[in-house]
Amino acid sequence: MHTAVWIMLFVHSVAGRFTPNTPVDIVVDYFKSHHPLQFLVYEGEILTVSVNFNVLHLDDLDETKQALTSTAWFYFVWNLKGFEWNETKYQNISRVVVSEELLWLPDLKLYNSIDTFGHLSEDVFPTTVWSNGTVEWYAAKKYVTSCKMDVSYFPFDQQRCYFRLTQWVSFSSEVNFTFYDPPITFRAFEENGEWKITDTSVKKDYFYEGKYQSLIFGLVLVRRRPFYVLSMMVPMSFLSALNLMVFHVPPGSGEKMTLCVSVLLSYSVYLTYINTLLPPVSDYVALFSIYLICMFVLKTLTVVASVFVLHLHSALPTSKLRQRLTRYFSTTLTLSNHQNGPLIKAASQDVKMSGKEVDAPSLSEKRWSFIVKRVDHLFFVTFLLLFLTSSSGLFCALLVS
């Protein structure tokens, strides 16, 4: 008899302690009266859903496809009536995990998605319901979104990429999407080797006469420059400067064309490597690409100028070009005065050594050699000015950008 009484008391205490009416039962009862596709509006109230965007990693930014691949998640939080319970009455249970198939979820699509049309999540992530009626949902995925790029100032360029979430089924008069505070976070963010995020922006937009709304999350990406400066810009500057040394090689040494062609071939080989690093975009042409083309044209013209100087060096006294240049330099540069002084002095020394009259052919050859050097020097000054003008213009434009 006493044993039966103790058993009844024990069962009653256990049943009182572990009541079947748990928060899970509250959620199940709620689902029985509400369809999972139905968003909840009470007495004309607007359901407010806050959205946060968290970036985990920037996987790739393809200049050709103009697409940004990133790993991130969207965090949604809203409050529903009917989910509240007192934690002290239910074994201090503060939250319940619910399958996303049983509950209404925000009807937002990633409008500028490329791979899958607007789906915010690939895997099934359950929602969390808290005791105060707050519902949380995470949508995580590797997103591929369109990103219009402007590579005009490569490698000193910056790009603005956006994630546009657009309301799809519900109206803005029924569900109001707002930005969570803060709207963009970088919890557990891993740095990218080529791009870094320097700024963020958010914007809310309405369309179709205000029936629908969009949340726009923006990222400002800046290209990391040291690699491109050391591997592209510095070597090209040295090759361009070395190209000017061709005009300091004496025409009679026989090495003028060797150095000229060697520099041109070095530039061509290095240009093949640089083309693999330049962004292949047709919408915008990089200023650095234009600079490389200008340098290649200058090197080609250097070969032509060197051939012209060698042609002058071997010109005969009866050549019309030699006679015209001699007449031009004699009248324009006043070679008979102070500039031709060293030539006359050298000719006088030859006369003293030979004990004969002034050797006119010898003086003419020295004068012509001086004219060829002047032409070579004129080419040097011309190409130096072109090189400085193009290089300074490029770097000033990149620095200003």
Protein backbone atom coordinates (compact mmCIF):
# COMPACT_ATOMS: atom_id res chain seq x y z
CA MET A 1 0.00 0.00 0.00
CA HIS A 2 2.71 2.44 0.96
CA THR A 3 4.66 1.43 -2.13
CA ALA A 4 1.71 2.21 -4.42
CA VAL A 5 1.26 5.63 -2.82
CA TRP A 6 4.92 6.49 -3.34
CA ILE A 7 4.74 5.39 -6.96
CA MET A 8 1.68 7.61 -7.60
CA LEU A 9 3.39 10.60 -5.99
CA PHE A 10 6.54 10.04 -8.08
CA VAL A 11 4.57 9.82 -11.35
CA HIS A 12 2.61 12.93 -10.46
CA SER A 13 5.77 14.88 -9.69
CA VAL A 14 7.46 13.76 -12.88
CA ALA A 15 4.40 14.63 -14.96
CA GLY A 16 4.20 18.03 -13.31
CA ARG A 17 7.87 18.66 -13.94
CA PHE A 18 7.94 17.49 -17.59
CA THR A 19 4.68 18.83 -18.97
CA PRO A 20 4.00 17.89 -22.61
CA ASN A 21 3.07 21.48 -23.36
CA THR A 22 6.55 22.64 -24.43
CA PRO A 23 7.65 25.51 -26.70
CA VAL A 24 7.84 22.98 -29.51
CA ASP A 25 4.16 22.28 -28.98
CA ILE A 26 3.44 26.02 -29.15
CA VAL A 27 5.23 26.22 -32.50
CA VAL A 28 3.44 23.12 -33.79
CA ASP A 29 0.07 24.50 -32.78
CA TYR A 30 0.96 27.75 -34.48
CA PHE A 31 1.78 25.95 -37.70
CA LYS A 32 -1.62 24.25 -37.64
CA SER A 33 -3.36 27.60 -37.93
CA HIS A 34 -0.91 29.39 -40.28
CA HIS A 35 0.28 28.28 -43.67
CA PRO A 36 4.08 28.46 -44.08
CA LEU A 37 3.72 30.52 -47.28
CA GLN A 38 1.64 33.16 -45.49
CA PHE A 39 3.42 36.23 -44.20
CA LEU A 40 1.81 37.61 -41.10
CA VAL A 41 0.09 40.99 -40.99
CA TYR A 42 -1.92 41.96 -37.91
CA GLU A 43 -4.64 44.58 -38.02
CA GLY A 44 -3.09 46.54 -40.83
CA GLU A 45 0.38 46.40 -39.30
CA ILE A 46 3.41 46.03 -41.54
CA LEU A 47 5.79 43.17 -40.84
CA THR A 48 9.29 44.59 -40.45
CA VAL A 49 12.25 42.43 -41.46
CA SER A 50 15.82 43.60 -40.78
CA VAL A 51 18.63 42.42 -43.05
CA ASN A 52 22.36 42.18 -42.38
CA PHE A 53 25.06 41.26 -44.90
CA ASN A 54 28.21 39.54 -43.67
CA VAL A 55 31.17 38.99 -46.00
CA LEU A 56 33.41 36.00 -45.35
CA HIS A 57 35.74 36.03 -48.34
CA LEU A 58 36.24 37.57 -51.78
CA ASP A 59 37.00 34.58 -53.98
CA ASP A 60 37.50 36.23 -57.36
CA LEU A 61 36.76 39.35 -59.38
CA ASP A 62 36.76 38.45 -63.07
CA GLU A 63 37.40 41.48 -65.27
CA THR A 64 36.41 39.66 -68.46
CA LYS A 65 33.07 38.35 -67.21
CA GLN A 66 32.68 41.36 -64.90
CA ALA A 67 31.55 39.05 -62.11
CA LEU A 68 32.34 39.02 -58.40
CA THR A 69 32.51 35.67 -56.63
CA SER A 70 32.19 35.96 -52.87
CA THR A 71 31.35 33.80 -49.88
CA ALA A 72 28.88 35.50 -47.57
CA TRP A 73 25.63 35.19 -45.72
CA PHE A 74 22.49 37.26 -45.24
CA TYR A 75 21.02 37.49 -41.77
CA PHE A 76 17.27 38.13 -41.41
CA VAL A 77 15.45 38.89 -38.20
CA TRP A 78 11.78 39.69 -37.60
CA ASN A 79 9.18 39.33 -34.86
CA LEU A 80 5.96 37.29 -35.05
CA LYS A 81 3.06 37.33 -32.67
CA GLY A 82 1.98 34.00 -31.24
CA PHE A 83 5.45 32.62 -30.68
CA GLU A 84 5.99 34.05 -27.21
CA TRP A 85 6.36 31.83 -24.16
CA ASN A 86 7.54 32.14 -20.58
CA GLU A 87 10.90 30.47 -20.24
CA THR A 88 10.49 29.75 -16.52
CA LYS A 89 7.44 27.59 -17.21
CA TYR A 90 9.22 25.51 -19.86
CA GLN A 91 12.49 24.34 -18.29
CA ASN A 92 14.18 27.67 -19.19
CA ILE A 93 14.00 26.87 -22.91
CA SER A 94 14.78 30.15 -24.69
CA ARG A 95 14.77 29.06 -28.34
CA VAL A 96 13.42 26.46 -30.71
CA VAL A 97 15.00 25.42 -34.03
CA VAL A 98 12.44 25.10 -36.82
CA SER A 99 12.86 23.78 -40.34
CA GLU A 100 12.69 26.52 -42.95
CA GLU A 101 10.10 24.54 -44.89
CA LEU A 102 7.54 25.05 -42.12
CA LEU A 103 7.85 28.78 -41.71
CA TRP A 104 7.42 31.83 -43.90
CA LEU A 105 10.75 33.24 -45.02
CA PRO A 106 11.53 36.65 -46.53
CA ASP A 107 10.74 36.63 -50.25
CA LEU A 108 13.89 38.38 -51.38
CA LYS A 109 15.86 37.50 -54.50
CA LEU A 110 19.43 38.44 -55.37
CA TYR A 111 18.53 40.39 -58.48
CA ASN A 112 22.04 40.71 -59.98
CA SER A 113 22.97 37.08 -59.43
CA ILE A 114 24.62 35.26 -62.34
CA ASP A 115 24.88 31.58 -61.47
CA THR A 116 21.46 30.78 -59.98
CA PHE A 117 18.65 33.23 -60.37
CA GLY A 118 18.33 35.01 -57.09
CA HIS A 119 18.50 32.06 -54.69
CA LEU A 120 19.93 33.23 -51.39
CA SER A 121 20.82 29.79 -50.09
CA GLU A 122 21.75 26.41 -51.53
CA ASP A 123 21.56 24.31 -48.37
CA VAL A 124 18.64 24.10 -45.96
CA PHE A 125 19.35 26.27 -42.94
CA PRO A 126 16.81 26.01 -40.10
CA THR A 127 15.36 29.09 -38.49
CA THR A 128 15.58 29.96 -34.82
CA VAL A 129 12.53 31.07 -32.86
CA TRP A 130 13.19 32.82 -29.54
CA SER A 131 10.90 33.06 -26.55
CA ASN A 132 10.04 36.71 -27.26
CA GLY A 133 8.74 35.86 -30.73
CA THR A 134 11.92 36.88 -32.60
CA VAL A 135 12.73 34.76 -35.65
CA GLU A 136 16.25 34.53 -37.10
CA TRP A 137 17.29 33.04 -40.41
CA TYR A 138 20.71 32.78 -42.09
CA ALA A 139 21.11 32.39 -45.86
CA ALA A 140 24.70 31.43 -46.70
CA LYS A 141 26.15 30.70 -50.12
CA LYS A 142 28.97 31.39 -52.57
CA TYR A 143 27.44 34.23 -54.58
CA VAL A 144 28.36 35.16 -58.16
CA THR A 145 27.06 38.64 -58.91
CA SER A 146 27.53 41.02 -61.80
CA CYS A 147 29.93 43.90 -61.17
CA LYS A 148 30.42 46.60 -63.78
CA MET A 149 34.14 47.37 -63.88
CA ASP A 150 36.13 50.40 -64.99
CA VAL A 151 39.81 49.50 -65.50
CA SER A 152 40.85 52.84 -66.98
CA TYR A 153 43.26 53.51 -64.12
CA PHE A 154 44.68 50.00 -63.80
CA PRO A 155 46.49 49.09 -61.54
CA PHE A 156 45.39 52.07 -59.40
CA ASP A 157 41.71 51.38 -60.01
CA GLN A 158 38.88 50.83 -57.58
CA GLN A 159 35.64 49.02 -58.29
CA ARG A 160 32.15 49.29 -56.82
CA CYS A 161 30.24 46.03 -56.61
CA TYR A 162 26.66 45.71 -55.39
CA PHE A 163 24.37 43.04 -53.99
CA ARG A 164 20.77 43.92 -54.84
CA LEU A 165 18.07 42.14 -52.84
CA THR A 166 14.65 42.65 -54.44
CA GLN A 167 11.23 41.98 -52.99
CA TRP A 168 9.54 39.33 -55.11
CA VAL A 169 6.02 38.34 -53.91
CA SER A 170 4.95 40.52 -51.00
CA PHE A 171 4.29 44.25 -51.31
CA SER A 172 6.08 47.01 -49.46
CA SER A 173 2.74 47.83 -47.81
CA GLU A 174 2.75 44.36 -46.24
CA VAL A 175 6.41 43.62 -45.50
CA ASN A 176 8.95 46.37 -44.87
CA PHE A 177 12.57 45.39 -45.31
CA THR A 178 15.09 47.52 -43.42
CA PHE A 179 18.82 47.45 -42.78
CA TYR A 180 20.07 45.81 -39.62
CA ASP A 181 22.43 47.82 -37.45
CA PRO A 182 25.17 47.53 -38.66
CA PRO A 183 24.00 46.63 -42.18
CA ILE A 184 27.34 45.18 -43.38
CA THR A 185 29.75 43.26 -41.16
CA PHE A 186 32.99 41.33 -41.66
CA ARG A 187 32.93 38.71 -38.93
CA ALA A 188 35.53 36.01 -39.70
CA PHE A 189 36.54 37.85 -42.87
CA GLU A 190 39.59 36.56 -44.78
CA GLU A 191 41.64 39.02 -46.79
CA ASN A 192 41.97 38.62 -50.54
CA GLY A 193 45.43 38.67 -52.12
CA GLU A 194 44.48 41.00 -54.98
CA TRP A 195 41.62 43.14 -53.68
CA LYS A 196 40.86 44.85 -50.40
CA ILE A 197 37.59 46.35 -49.19
CA THR A 198 38.01 50.01 -48.28
CA ASP A 199 34.43 51.18 -47.90
CA THR A 200 30.81 50.04 -47.86
CA SER A 201 27.47 51.60 -48.70
CA VAL A 202 23.78 50.77 -48.35
CA LYS A 203 20.77 52.09 -50.20
CA LYS A 204 17.05 51.39 -50.25
CA ASP A 205 15.18 51.73 -53.50
CA TYR A 206 11.51 51.48 -54.54
CA PHE A 207 10.19 50.54 -57.98
CA TYR A 208 6.87 49.81 -59.72
CA GLU A 209 5.26 52.86 -58.12
CA GLY A 210 6.48 51.90 -54.68
CA LYS A 211 4.93 48.43 -54.62
CA TYR A 212 8.26 46.67 -54.28
CA GLN A 213 11.52 47.59 -52.63
CA SER A 214 15.17 46.71 -52.97
CA LEU A 215 18.02 46.67 -50.50
CA ILE A 216 21.37 47.47 -52.13
CA PHE A 217 24.61 46.54 -50.34
CA GLY A 218 27.73 48.08 -51.89
CA LEU A 219 31.41 47.20 -51.53
CA VAL A 220 34.28 49.44 -52.66
CA LEU A 221 37.20 47.29 -53.80
CA VAL A 222 40.71 48.64 -54.34
CA ARG A 223 43.36 46.65 -56.19
CA ARG A 224 46.54 45.88 -54.24
CA ARG A 225 49.20 47.79 -56.18
CA PRO A 226 52.74 46.77 -55.05
CA PHE A 227 52.80 43.60 -57.16
CA TYR A 228 51.83 45.40 -60.37
CA VAL A 229 54.16 48.32 -59.72
CA LEU A 230 57.19 46.07 -59.13
CA SER A 231 56.44 43.53 -61.87
CA MET A 232 55.13 45.83 -64.60
CA MET A 233 55.66 49.57 -64.22
CA VAL A 234 59.23 49.64 -62.88
CA PRO A 235 60.72 47.22 -65.50
CA MET A 236 58.93 49.02 -68.34
CA SER A 237 60.28 52.36 -67.16
CA PHE A 238 63.85 51.01 -67.15
CA LEU A 239 63.46 49.50 -70.61
CA SER A 240 62.09 52.76 -71.94
CA ALA A 241 64.99 54.69 -70.42
CA LEU A 242 67.48 52.17 -71.79
CA ASN A 243 66.04 52.73 -75.24
CA LEU A 244 67.35 56.33 -75.15
CA MET A 245 70.93 55.11 -74.70
CA VAL A 246 70.93 54.01 -78.33
CA PHE A 247 71.53 57.60 -79.41
CA HIS A 248 74.71 57.79 -77.32
CA VAL A 249 76.37 54.92 -79.15
CA PRO A 250 78.73 56.28 -81.85
CA PRO A 251 77.57 55.39 -85.37
CA GLY A 252 81.03 54.16 -86.29
CA SER A 253 81.23 51.64 -83.43
CA GLY A 254 79.07 49.06 -85.19
CA GLU A 255 77.01 48.39 -82.04
CA LYS A 256 74.28 50.95 -82.50
CA MET A 257 71.78 48.67 -84.27
CA THR A 258 72.70 45.73 -82.02
CA LEU A 259 71.69 47.62 -78.90
CA CYS A 260 68.62 49.06 -80.60
CA VAL A 261 67.26 45.71 -81.75
CA SER A 262 68.15 44.04 -78.43
CA VAL A 263 66.11 46.58 -76.47
CA LEU A 264 63.19 46.18 -78.88
CA LEU A 265 63.25 42.40 -78.52
CA SER A 266 63.47 42.64 -74.72
CA TYR A 267 60.49 44.94 -74.71
CA SER A 268 58.51 42.59 -76.97
CA VAL A 269 59.24 39.56 -74.77
CA TYR A 270 58.31 41.41 -71.60
CA LEU A 271 55.20 42.77 -73.24
CA THR A 272 54.00 39.20 -73.77
CA TYR A 273 54.21 38.61 -70.01
CA ILE A 274 52.48 41.87 -69.18
CA ASN A 275 49.56 41.08 -71.48
CA THR A 276 48.70 38.15 -69.20
CA LEU A 277 48.29 40.58 -66.28
CA LEU A 278 46.34 43.30 -68.06
CA PRO A 279 42.56 43.07 -67.67
CA PRO A 280 41.01 42.01 -71.02
CA VAL A 281 38.05 44.42 -70.93
CA SER A 282 36.72 46.15 -74.03
CA ASP A 283 34.34 48.59 -72.36
CA TYR A 284 37.19 50.58 -70.85
CA VAL A 285 40.80 50.72 -72.08
CA ALA A 286 43.43 50.96 -69.37
CA LEU A 287 45.70 54.00 -69.56
CA PHE A 288 48.64 51.72 -68.88
CA SER A 289 47.81 49.75 -72.04
CA ILE A 290 47.84 52.97 -74.04
CA TYR A 291 51.18 53.84 -72.43
CA LEU A 292 52.63 50.47 -73.46
CA ILE A 293 51.50 51.00 -77.04
CA CYS A 294 53.10 54.46 -77.04
CA MET A 295 56.37 53.02 -75.74
CA PHE A 296 56.30 50.31 -78.39
CA VAL A 297 55.77 52.94 -81.09
CA LEU A 298 58.68 54.98 -79.69
CA LYS A 299 60.95 51.94 -79.76
CA THR A 300 59.95 51.22 -83.35
CA LEU A 301 60.68 54.82 -84.29
CA THR A 302 64.01 54.49 -82.48
CA VAL A 303 65.00 51.72 -84.86
CA VAL A 304 64.00 53.89 -87.81
CA ALA A 305 65.95 56.86 -86.41
CA SER A 306 69.02 54.70 -85.82
CA VAL A 307 68.91 53.39 -89.37
CA PHE A 308 68.63 56.98 -90.60
CA VAL A 309 71.67 58.05 -88.54
CA LEU A 310 73.72 55.13 -89.87
CA HIS A 311 72.66 56.07 -93.38
CA LEU A 312 73.90 59.62 -92.80
CA HIS A 313 77.14 58.32 -91.33
CA SER A 314 77.92 56.36 -94.51
CA ALA A 315 76.63 59.01 -96.95
CA LEU A 316 79.02 60.08 -99.72
CA PRO A 317 80.02 63.74 -100.20
CA THR A 318 78.06 63.75 -103.46
CA SER A 319 74.83 62.76 -101.70
CA LYS A 320 72.10 65.37 -101.99
CA LEU A 321 70.89 64.65 -98.45
CA ARG A 322 74.38 65.23 -97.08
CA GLN A 323 74.72 68.48 -98.99
CA ARG A 324 71.33 69.74 -97.81
CA LEU A 325 72.02 68.86 -94.16
CA THR A 326 75.46 70.48 -94.36
CA ARG A 327 73.93 73.65 -95.77
CA TYR A 328 71.11 73.60 -93.18
CA PHE A 329 73.37 73.15 -90.17
CA SER A 330 75.84 75.66 -91.52
CA THR A 331 73.18 78.38 -91.72
CA THR A 332 70.90 77.44 -88.83
CA LEU A 333 73.37 76.30 -86.21
CA THR A 334 76.17 78.61 -87.36
CA LEU A 335 78.70 75.81 -87.58
CA SER A 336 81.30 78.17 -89.07
CA ASN A 337 81.47 80.11 -85.77
CA HIS A 338 81.66 78.84 -82.21
CA GLN A 339 80.18 75.37 -82.80
CA ASN A 340 82.67 74.57 -85.54
CA GLY A 341 85.58 75.90 -83.55
CA PRO A 342 86.79 72.50 -82.37
CA LEU A 343 86.68 71.19 -85.91
CA ILE A 344 88.82 74.06 -87.24
CA LYS A 345 91.23 73.63 -84.35
CA ALA A 346 91.53 69.91 -85.06
CA ALA A 347 92.07 70.63 -88.73
CA SER A 348 94.82 73.16 -87.91
CA GLN A 349 96.62 70.56 -85.84
CA ASP A 350 96.50 68.17 -88.77
CA VAL A 351 98.05 70.87 -90.95
CA LYS A 352 100.89 71.47 -88.51
CA MET A 353 101.60 67.77 -88.27
CA SER A 354 101.67 67.27 -92.02
CA GLY A 355 103.30 70.58 -92.90
CA LYS A 356 100.95 71.02 -95.81
CA GLU A 357 98.06 73.30 -96.69
CA VAL A 358 94.57 72.82 -95.20
CA ASP A 359 93.20 69.46 -96.21
CA ALA A 360 89.67 70.36 -97.42
CA PRO A 361 88.36 66.76 -97.63
CA SER A 362 89.55 66.05 -94.06
CA LEU A 363 87.84 69.18 -92.76
CA SER A 364 84.68 68.26 -94.64
CA GLU A 365 84.63 64.76 -93.10
CA LYS A 366 85.12 66.13 -89.59
CA ARG A 367 82.38 68.64 -90.17
CA TRP A 368 80.07 65.92 -91.49
CA SER A 369 80.84 63.67 -88.52
CA PHE A 370 79.91 66.55 -86.25
CA ILE A 371 76.64 67.04 -88.14
CA VAL A 372 75.78 63.33 -87.78
CA LYS A 373 76.38 63.58 -84.03
CA ARG A 374 74.15 66.63 -83.90
CA VAL A 375 71.38 64.71 -85.68
CA ASP A 376 71.85 61.82 -83.24
CA HIS A 377 71.66 64.24 -80.32
CA LEU A 378 68.56 65.85 -81.80
CA PHE A 379 66.87 62.45 -81.93
CA PHE A 380 67.90 61.82 -78.32
CA VAL A 381 66.34 65.08 -77.12
CA THR A 382 63.18 64.46 -79.14
CA PHE A 383 62.63 60.92 -77.83
CA LEU A 384 63.54 61.98 -74.30
CA LEU A 385 60.83 64.64 -74.36
CA LEU A 386 58.32 62.13 -75.74
CA PHE A 387 59.25 59.60 -73.08
CA LEU A 388 59.03 62.12 -70.23
CA THR A 389 55.75 63.54 -71.52
CA SER A 390 54.03 60.16 -71.87
CA SER A 391 55.40 58.77 -68.59
CA SER A 392 54.59 61.86 -66.53
CA GLY A 393 51.13 62.05 -68.10
CA LEU A 394 50.43 58.42 -67.20
CA PHE A 395 51.64 58.66 -63.60
CA CYS A 396 49.87 61.96 -63.00
CA ALA A 397 46.60 60.50 -64.26
CA LEU A 398 47.03 57.41 -62.06
CA LEU A 399 47.90 59.44 -58.98
CA VAL A 400 45.00 61.81 -59.50
CA SER A 401 42.61 58.87 -59.83
